[in-house]
């Protein structure tokens, strides 16, 4: 069951080459049958791992380094 939908603006700054970019993620907060609230992320309709974790960190387009995002805001 969806509780809240929004869009997160996430900033990425590569520690290796200094390249900076922003990306918007569609976010859904859903409640599981046990009452736990989980957060799910999408880009372009595809489910992705959270950009705030090393597992979900995208690669820098300049050098290929994986960069963990920093939350900038939600709308």
Protein backbone atom coordinates (compact mmCIF):
# COMPACT_ATOMS: atom_id res chain seq x y z
CA UNK A 1 0.00 0.00 0.00
CA UNK A 2 1.48 3.37 -1.04
CA UNK A 3 1.76 5.88 1.78
CA UNK A 4 3.58 8.69 -0.01
CA UNK A 5 4.98 9.44 -3.46
CA UNK A 6 7.56 12.06 -4.26
CA UNK A 7 10.62 13.01 -6.23
CA UNK A 8 14.06 13.19 -4.61
CA UNK A 9 16.71 15.47 -6.03
CA UNK A 10 20.08 13.80 -5.43
CA UNK A 11 23.51 15.40 -5.88
CA UNK A 12 26.62 13.43 -6.80
CA UNK A 13 30.18 14.74 -6.51
CA UNK A 14 32.90 12.36 -7.63
CA UNK A 15 35.75 12.23 -5.09
CA UNK A 16 38.13 10.95 -7.77
CA UNK A 17 37.73 13.52 -10.59
CA UNK A 18 35.46 16.21 -9.06
CA UNK A 19 32.64 15.85 -11.63
CA UNK A 20 29.29 17.02 -10.20
CA UNK A 21 25.78 16.15 -11.36
CA UNK A 22 22.20 15.91 -10.12
CA UNK A 23 19.55 13.31 -10.80
CA UNK A 24 15.87 13.03 -9.90
CA UNK A 25 14.52 9.79 -8.46
CA UNK A 26 10.83 8.92 -8.15
CA UNK A 27 10.32 7.67 -4.60
CA UNK A 28 7.53 5.58 -3.11
CA UNK A 29 7.01 4.88 0.55
CA UNK A 30 5.04 1.67 0.98
CA UNK A 31 3.77 -0.16 4.03
CA UNK A 32 4.35 -3.90 4.18
CA UNK A 33 1.67 -6.24 5.59
CA UNK A 34 3.63 -6.28 8.87
CA UNK A 35 3.41 -2.48 9.15
CA UNK A 36 7.02 -1.71 8.18
CA UNK A 37 7.50 1.32 5.88
CA UNK A 38 9.91 0.83 2.97
CA UNK A 39 11.28 3.26 0.44
CA UNK A 40 11.52 2.34 -3.26
CA UNK A 41 13.31 4.31 -6.00
CA UNK A 42 12.72 4.57 -9.74
CA UNK A 43 14.46 6.27 -12.66
CA UNK A 44 12.61 6.38 -15.96
CA UNK A 45 10.15 3.74 -14.78
CA UNK A 46 12.88 1.27 -13.75
CA UNK A 47 13.32 0.21 -10.13
CA UNK A 48 16.80 0.97 -8.81
CA UNK A 49 18.66 0.60 -5.53
CA UNK A 50 18.79 3.64 -3.22
CA UNK A 51 21.37 6.17 -4.47
CA UNK A 52 22.41 6.84 -0.85
CA UNK A 53 24.09 3.44 -0.55
CA UNK A 54 27.24 2.03 -2.14
CA UNK A 55 25.15 -0.73 -3.76
CA UNK A 56 22.95 1.86 -5.52
CA UNK A 57 25.69 4.39 -6.30
CA UNK A 58 25.80 5.28 -10.01
CA UNK A 59 29.06 5.51 -11.92
CA UNK A 60 30.64 8.86 -12.73
CA UNK A 61 30.38 9.47 -16.50
CA UNK A 62 33.87 11.03 -16.51
CA UNK A 63 35.96 8.40 -14.70
CA UNK A 64 33.69 5.43 -13.85
CA UNK A 65 34.05 5.79 -10.06
CA UNK A 66 30.92 4.83 -8.09
CA UNK A 67 29.53 7.86 -6.27
CA UNK A 68 27.09 7.74 -3.34
CA UNK A 69 24.48 10.49 -3.62
CA UNK A 70 23.58 13.26 -1.21
CA UNK A 71 19.93 14.12 -0.66
CA UNK A 72 19.10 17.68 -1.81
CA UNK A 73 15.33 17.79 -1.37
CA UNK A 74 11.97 16.18 -2.04
CA UNK A 75 8.90 17.46 -3.81
